[in-house]
Amino acid sequence: MADRHRQSAFADFVLEQMADVPDVAKRSMFGGFGIYRSGLMFALIANEQLYFKADEMLAQEFTAMDLPPFVYTGKNGSTALKYHLAPEAVFEEAEQMARWSDKAYQCAVRAAAEKAAPKIRRSKR
């Protein structure tokens, strides 16, 4: 129970740091938290670490900064998710938190648009 309380306290701290990010909220999930903006998940908290959503382009920035992806370990092995560890600067400067939160949110917007786009079915010949 102490771990859950600590995790929740960290999530509350992150939300305080995101004061300049509009319409942000947390939701409990899988022992951690999803961080949402306008209903889209753009970050996650696991093991008292903040991870931001990343697409191919943004993942390159994280990789260049040696910020690893979040790795989920389940019954069938480990899987790297499209979320990367947040840069330390986000906890030191509100401007950095807002900037990285927006980058991650834009990734979430693009992913949602891609998911909603109609799939073109190719006919079998």
N, C-alpha and C. Protein backbone atom coordinates (compact mmCIF):
# COMPACT_ATOMS: atom_id res chain seq x y z
N MET A 1 0.82 -1.19 0.00
CA MET A 1 0.00 0.00 0.00
C MET A 1 0.87 1.26 0.00
N ALA A 2 2.03 1.20 0.64
CA ALA A 2 2.93 2.36 0.69
C ALA A 2 3.42 2.71 -0.71
N ASP A 3 3.71 1.67 -1.54
CA ASP A 3 4.15 1.91 -2.91
C ASP A 3 3.07 2.64 -3.71
N ARG A 4 1.83 2.21 -3.53
CA ARG A 4 0.70 2.83 -4.25
C ARG A 4 0.55 4.29 -3.83
N HIS A 5 0.70 4.55 -2.53
CA HIS A 5 0.59 5.92 -2.04
C HIS A 5 1.73 6.78 -2.60
N ARG A 6 2.94 6.23 -2.62
CA ARG A 6 4.10 6.95 -3.14
C ARG A 6 3.91 7.24 -4.64
N GLN A 7 3.42 6.24 -5.36
CA GLN A 7 3.17 6.40 -6.80
C GLN A 7 2.12 7.49 -7.04
N SER A 8 1.06 7.50 -6.22
CA SER A 8 0.02 8.50 -6.36
C SER A 8 0.55 9.90 -6.01
N ALA A 9 1.39 9.98 -4.99
CA ALA A 9 2.00 11.27 -4.62
C ALA A 9 2.89 11.78 -5.75
N PHE A 10 3.62 10.88 -6.40
CA PHE A 10 4.45 11.29 -7.53
C PHE A 10 3.57 11.78 -8.68
N ALA A 11 2.47 11.08 -8.94
CA ALA A 11 1.55 11.50 -10.01
C ALA A 11 0.98 12.89 -9.71
N ASP A 12 0.63 13.14 -8.46
CA ASP A 12 0.13 14.47 -8.07
C ASP A 12 1.21 15.52 -8.28
N PHE A 13 2.46 15.19 -7.95
CA PHE A 13 3.58 16.10 -8.17
C PHE A 13 3.73 16.42 -9.65
N VAL A 14 3.64 15.40 -10.50
CA VAL A 14 3.76 15.61 -11.95
C VAL A 14 2.65 16.54 -12.44
N LEU A 15 1.42 16.33 -11.97
CA LEU A 15 0.32 17.19 -12.39
C LEU A 15 0.55 18.64 -11.94
N GLU A 16 1.13 18.82 -10.76
CA GLU A 16 1.47 20.18 -10.31
C GLU A 16 2.49 20.80 -11.25
N GLN A 17 3.46 20.00 -11.68
CA GLN A 17 4.49 20.49 -12.60
C GLN A 17 3.90 20.81 -13.97
N MET A 18 2.75 20.22 -14.29
CA MET A 18 2.08 20.44 -15.57
C MET A 18 1.01 21.54 -15.47
N ALA A 19 1.17 22.43 -14.53
CA ALA A 19 0.18 23.49 -14.31
C ALA A 19 -0.09 24.31 -15.56
N ASP A 20 0.89 24.46 -16.44
CA ASP A 20 0.73 25.24 -17.67
C ASP A 20 0.17 24.42 -18.83
N VAL A 21 -0.10 23.15 -18.60
CA VAL A 21 -0.64 22.27 -19.64
C VAL A 21 -2.16 22.25 -19.49
N PRO A 22 -2.90 22.62 -20.55
CA PRO A 22 -4.36 22.69 -20.43
C PRO A 22 -5.03 21.32 -20.32
N ASP A 23 -6.13 21.29 -19.57
CA ASP A 23 -7.03 20.12 -19.50
C ASP A 23 -6.30 18.81 -19.22
N VAL A 24 -5.41 18.80 -18.23
CA VAL A 24 -4.64 17.61 -17.92
C VAL A 24 -5.27 16.87 -16.73
N ALA A 25 -5.22 15.55 -16.78
CA ALA A 25 -5.80 14.71 -15.72
C ALA A 25 -5.04 13.40 -15.64
N LYS A 26 -5.16 12.73 -14.51
CA LYS A 26 -4.54 11.41 -14.36
C LYS A 26 -5.62 10.36 -14.17
N ARG A 27 -5.31 9.14 -14.61
CA ARG A 27 -6.19 7.99 -14.40
C ARG A 27 -5.33 6.81 -13.98
N SER A 28 -5.79 6.13 -12.97
CA SER A 28 -5.09 4.96 -12.48
C SER A 28 -5.15 3.84 -13.52
N MET A 29 -4.00 3.16 -13.70
CA MET A 29 -3.97 2.04 -14.64
C MET A 29 -2.78 1.13 -14.37
N PHE A 30 -2.99 -0.15 -14.32
CA PHE A 30 -1.92 -1.15 -14.23
C PHE A 30 -0.85 -0.82 -13.19
N GLY A 31 -1.23 -0.35 -12.03
CA GLY A 31 -0.25 -0.05 -10.99
C GLY A 31 0.44 1.28 -11.17
N GLY A 32 0.07 2.01 -12.21
CA GLY A 32 0.64 3.33 -12.45
C GLY A 32 -0.47 4.30 -12.80
N PHE A 33 -0.14 5.28 -13.62
CA PHE A 33 -1.13 6.27 -14.03
C PHE A 33 -0.94 6.65 -15.49
N GLY A 34 -2.05 6.87 -16.16
CA GLY A 34 -2.03 7.48 -17.47
C GLY A 34 -2.25 8.97 -17.28
N ILE A 35 -1.54 9.80 -18.03
CA ILE A 35 -1.72 11.24 -17.97
C ILE A 35 -2.38 11.66 -19.28
N TYR A 36 -3.51 12.33 -19.15
CA TYR A 36 -4.36 12.67 -20.29
C TYR A 36 -4.48 14.18 -20.47
N ARG A 37 -4.61 14.58 -21.72
CA ARG A 37 -4.95 15.96 -22.05
C ARG A 37 -6.10 15.89 -23.04
N SER A 38 -7.18 16.54 -22.71
CA SER A 38 -8.37 16.54 -23.57
C SER A 38 -8.77 15.12 -23.97
N GLY A 39 -8.65 14.20 -23.04
CA GLY A 39 -9.07 12.82 -23.26
C GLY A 39 -8.07 11.92 -23.95
N LEU A 40 -6.91 12.45 -24.37
CA LEU A 40 -5.90 11.63 -25.03
C LEU A 40 -4.72 11.38 -24.09
N MET A 41 -4.32 10.14 -23.96
CA MET A 41 -3.18 9.81 -23.11
C MET A 41 -1.89 10.20 -23.82
N PHE A 42 -1.10 11.06 -23.17
CA PHE A 42 0.15 11.51 -23.76
C PHE A 42 1.36 11.21 -22.88
N ALA A 43 1.11 10.67 -21.70
CA ALA A 43 2.21 10.32 -20.80
C ALA A 43 1.74 9.21 -19.87
N LEU A 44 2.70 8.54 -19.27
CA LEU A 44 2.37 7.54 -18.26
C LEU A 44 3.38 7.63 -17.13
N ILE A 45 2.93 7.17 -15.98
CA ILE A 45 3.78 7.12 -14.80
C ILE A 45 3.83 5.67 -14.34
N ALA A 46 5.04 5.17 -14.20
CA ALA A 46 5.26 3.81 -13.71
C ALA A 46 6.53 3.82 -12.87
N ASN A 47 6.48 3.17 -11.74
CA ASN A 47 7.65 3.08 -10.86
C ASN A 47 8.24 4.45 -10.54
N GLU A 48 7.35 5.42 -10.31
CA GLU A 48 7.75 6.79 -9.98
C GLU A 48 8.65 7.42 -11.05
N GLN A 49 8.35 7.09 -12.30
CA GLN A 49 9.05 7.67 -13.45
C GLN A 49 7.99 8.20 -14.41
N LEU A 50 8.30 9.32 -15.06
CA LEU A 50 7.41 9.90 -16.06
C LEU A 50 7.91 9.54 -17.45
N TYR A 51 7.01 9.07 -18.28
CA TYR A 51 7.31 8.71 -19.67
C TYR A 51 6.37 9.48 -20.58
N PHE A 52 6.91 10.03 -21.68
CA PHE A 52 6.11 10.74 -22.66
C PHE A 52 5.89 9.89 -23.90
N LYS A 53 4.69 10.02 -24.50
CA LYS A 53 4.37 9.32 -25.74
C LYS A 53 5.31 9.81 -26.84
N ALA A 54 5.71 8.90 -27.71
CA ALA A 54 6.62 9.26 -28.81
C ALA A 54 6.25 8.49 -30.07
N ASP A 55 6.29 9.19 -31.19
CA ASP A 55 6.18 8.52 -32.48
C ASP A 55 7.60 8.37 -33.00
N GLU A 56 7.76 7.90 -34.23
CA GLU A 56 9.11 7.66 -34.77
C GLU A 56 10.00 8.89 -34.70
N MET A 57 9.44 10.04 -35.08
CA MET A 57 10.22 11.28 -35.11
C MET A 57 10.65 11.71 -33.70
N LEU A 58 9.72 11.74 -32.77
CA LEU A 58 10.05 12.17 -31.41
C LEU A 58 10.93 11.14 -30.69
N ALA A 59 10.73 9.87 -30.99
CA ALA A 59 11.55 8.82 -30.38
C ALA A 59 13.03 9.05 -30.67
N GLN A 60 13.34 9.58 -31.86
CA GLN A 60 14.73 9.87 -32.21
C GLN A 60 15.33 10.91 -31.26
N GLU A 61 14.52 11.90 -30.87
CA GLU A 61 15.01 12.91 -29.92
C GLU A 61 15.31 12.27 -28.57
N PHE A 62 14.41 11.41 -28.11
CA PHE A 62 14.63 10.73 -26.84
C PHE A 62 15.87 9.85 -26.90
N THR A 63 16.02 9.11 -27.98
CA THR A 63 17.16 8.22 -28.15
C THR A 63 18.47 9.01 -28.17
N ALA A 64 18.46 10.16 -28.85
CA ALA A 64 19.66 11.01 -28.90
C ALA A 64 20.05 11.51 -27.51
N MET A 65 19.07 11.59 -26.61
CA MET A 65 19.33 12.04 -25.24
C MET A 65 19.53 10.86 -24.28
N ASP A 66 19.63 9.65 -24.83
CA ASP A 66 19.78 8.42 -24.04
C ASP A 66 18.63 8.20 -23.05
N LEU A 67 17.42 8.53 -23.50
CA LEU A 67 16.22 8.32 -22.68
C LEU A 67 15.48 7.10 -23.22
N PRO A 68 15.50 6.01 -22.45
CA PRO A 68 14.95 4.74 -22.94
C PRO A 68 13.43 4.71 -22.99
N PRO A 69 12.90 3.77 -23.78
CA PRO A 69 11.44 3.58 -23.80
C PRO A 69 10.99 2.86 -22.53
N PHE A 70 9.70 2.98 -22.24
CA PHE A 70 9.11 2.21 -21.15
C PHE A 70 8.99 0.77 -21.63
N VAL A 71 9.43 -0.17 -20.81
CA VAL A 71 9.35 -1.59 -21.16
C VAL A 71 8.40 -2.27 -20.19
N TYR A 72 7.37 -2.86 -20.76
CA TYR A 72 6.39 -3.61 -19.99
C TYR A 72 6.78 -5.08 -20.02
N THR A 73 6.84 -5.70 -18.85
CA THR A 73 7.16 -7.12 -18.77
C THR A 73 5.92 -7.86 -18.30
N GLY A 74 5.46 -8.78 -19.13
CA GLY A 74 4.27 -9.56 -18.83
C GLY A 74 4.55 -11.05 -18.95
N LYS A 75 3.49 -11.82 -18.98
CA LYS A 75 3.60 -13.28 -19.08
C LYS A 75 4.34 -13.73 -20.33
N ASN A 76 4.17 -12.98 -21.41
CA ASN A 76 4.76 -13.37 -22.69
C ASN A 76 6.07 -12.67 -22.99
N GLY A 77 6.73 -12.11 -21.97
CA GLY A 77 8.00 -11.45 -22.18
C GLY A 77 7.90 -9.94 -22.05
N SER A 78 8.90 -9.26 -22.57
CA SER A 78 8.98 -7.81 -22.46
C SER A 78 8.64 -7.13 -23.78
N THR A 79 7.98 -5.98 -23.67
CA THR A 79 7.60 -5.20 -24.83
C THR A 79 7.91 -3.73 -24.57
N ALA A 80 8.63 -3.10 -25.48
CA ALA A 80 8.90 -1.67 -25.38
C ALA A 80 7.69 -0.93 -25.94
N LEU A 81 7.15 -0.02 -25.14
CA LEU A 81 6.00 0.77 -25.58
C LEU A 81 6.47 2.08 -26.19
N LYS A 82 5.57 2.79 -26.84
CA LYS A 82 5.92 4.05 -27.50
C LYS A 82 5.86 5.22 -26.52
N TYR A 83 6.52 5.04 -25.40
CA TYR A 83 6.65 6.07 -24.37
C TYR A 83 8.11 6.05 -23.93
N HIS A 84 8.70 7.25 -23.80
CA HIS A 84 10.10 7.35 -23.40
C HIS A 84 10.23 8.13 -22.11
N LEU A 85 11.26 7.79 -21.36
CA LEU A 85 11.56 8.47 -20.11
C LEU A 85 11.68 9.97 -20.35
N ALA A 86 11.07 10.76 -19.48
CA ALA A 86 11.09 12.22 -19.63
C ALA A 86 12.47 12.78 -19.28
N PRO A 87 12.88 13.84 -19.97
CA PRO A 87 14.15 14.49 -19.61
C PRO A 87 14.05 15.11 -18.21
N GLU A 88 15.14 15.09 -17.48
CA GLU A 88 15.17 15.67 -16.13
C GLU A 88 14.76 17.14 -16.12
N ALA A 89 15.06 17.84 -17.20
CA ALA A 89 14.77 19.28 -17.27
C ALA A 89 13.29 19.61 -17.05
N VAL A 90 12.40 18.64 -17.33
CA VAL A 90 10.97 18.92 -17.15
C VAL A 90 10.62 19.15 -15.69
N PHE A 91 11.42 18.63 -14.79
CA PHE A 91 11.16 18.81 -13.37
C PHE A 91 11.85 20.05 -12.81
N GLU A 92 12.68 20.67 -13.64
CA GLU A 92 13.44 21.85 -13.20
C GLU A 92 12.87 23.14 -13.76
N GLU A 93 12.21 23.07 -14.92
CA GLU A 93 11.69 24.27 -15.58
C GLU A 93 10.28 24.01 -16.09
N ALA A 94 9.34 24.84 -15.67
CA ALA A 94 7.94 24.71 -16.11
C ALA A 94 7.83 24.79 -17.63
N GLU A 95 8.65 25.62 -18.25
CA GLU A 95 8.63 25.78 -19.70
C GLU A 95 9.00 24.46 -20.39
N GLN A 96 9.97 23.73 -19.84
CA GLN A 96 10.37 22.44 -20.41
C GLN A 96 9.25 21.41 -20.25
N MET A 97 8.58 21.41 -19.09
CA MET A 97 7.47 20.48 -18.88
C MET A 97 6.37 20.76 -19.89
N ALA A 98 6.04 22.02 -20.09
CA ALA A 98 4.99 22.38 -21.05
C ALA A 98 5.40 22.01 -22.47
N ARG A 99 6.65 22.25 -22.82
CA ARG A 99 7.14 21.95 -24.18
C ARG A 99 7.11 20.45 -24.47
N TRP A 100 7.66 19.65 -23.56
CA TRP A 100 7.68 18.21 -23.79
C TRP A 100 6.28 17.60 -23.70
N SER A 101 5.45 18.14 -22.81
CA SER A 101 4.06 17.66 -22.72
C SER A 101 3.34 17.92 -24.04
N ASP A 102 3.57 19.09 -24.63
CA ASP A 102 2.92 19.42 -25.89
C ASP A 102 3.43 18.51 -27.02
N LYS A 103 4.74 18.26 -27.05
CA LYS A 103 5.29 17.36 -28.08
C LYS A 103 4.63 15.98 -27.98
N ALA A 104 4.52 15.47 -26.76
CA ALA A 104 3.92 14.15 -26.55
C ALA A 104 2.43 14.17 -26.89
N TYR A 105 1.75 15.26 -26.52
CA TYR A 105 0.33 15.38 -26.84
C TYR A 105 0.12 15.39 -28.36
N GLN A 106 0.98 16.09 -29.09
CA GLN A 106 0.87 16.12 -30.55
C GLN A 106 1.05 14.72 -31.13
N CYS A 107 1.92 13.91 -30.52
CA CYS A 107 2.07 12.51 -30.95
C CYS A 107 0.76 11.76 -30.73
N ALA A 108 0.12 11.99 -29.58
CA ALA A 108 -1.15 11.34 -29.27
C ALA A 108 -2.24 11.77 -30.26
N VAL A 109 -2.25 13.05 -30.62
CA VAL A 109 -3.22 13.56 -31.60
C VAL A 109 -3.00 12.86 -32.95
N ARG A 110 -1.74 12.79 -33.39
CA ARG A 110 -1.45 12.13 -34.67
C ARG A 110 -1.84 10.65 -34.64
N ALA A 111 -1.55 9.98 -33.53
CA ALA A 111 -1.89 8.55 -33.41
C ALA A 111 -3.41 8.36 -33.44
N ALA A 112 -4.14 9.23 -32.78
CA ALA A 112 -5.61 9.14 -32.77
C ALA A 112 -6.17 9.38 -34.17
N ALA A 113 -5.60 10.34 -34.89
CA ALA A 113 -6.06 10.64 -36.24
C ALA A 113 -5.77 9.46 -37.18
N GLU A 114 -4.61 8.87 -37.00
CA GLU A 114 -4.23 7.72 -37.82
C GLU A 114 -5.16 6.54 -37.56
N LYS A 115 -5.50 6.35 -36.30
CA LYS A 115 -6.38 5.25 -35.91
C LYS A 115 -7.79 5.47 -36.47
N ALA A 116 -8.22 6.74 -36.50
CA ALA A 116 -9.58 7.06 -36.95
C ALA A 116 -9.70 7.10 -38.47
N ALA A 117 -8.57 7.26 -39.15
CA ALA A 117 -8.61 7.34 -40.61
C ALA A 117 -9.11 6.03 -41.20
N PRO A 118 -9.97 6.13 -42.20
CA PRO A 118 -10.47 4.89 -42.81
C PRO A 118 -9.34 4.12 -43.49
N LYS A 119 -9.37 2.84 -43.32
CA LYS A 119 -8.36 1.97 -43.95
C LYS A 119 -8.77 1.70 -45.39
N ILE A 120 -7.80 1.81 -46.27
CA ILE A 120 -8.06 1.52 -47.68
C ILE A 120 -7.84 0.03 -47.89
N ARG A 121 -8.88 -0.62 -48.31
CA ARG A 121 -8.77 -2.07 -48.55
C ARG A 121 -8.41 -2.28 -50.00
N ARG A 122 -7.44 -3.10 -50.18
CA ARG A 122 -7.02 -3.44 -51.54
C ARG A 122 -7.77 -4.70 -51.96
N SER A 123 -8.26 -4.67 -53.17
CA SER A 123 -8.99 -5.83 -53.66
C SER A 123 -7.99 -6.94 -54.03
N LYS A 124 -8.44 -8.15 -53.83
CA LYS A 124 -7.60 -9.30 -54.21
C LYS A 124 -7.80 -9.56 -55.68
N ARG A 125 -6.72 -9.76 -56.37
CA ARG A 125 -6.81 -10.02 -57.81
C ARG A 125 -6.37 -11.41 -58.13
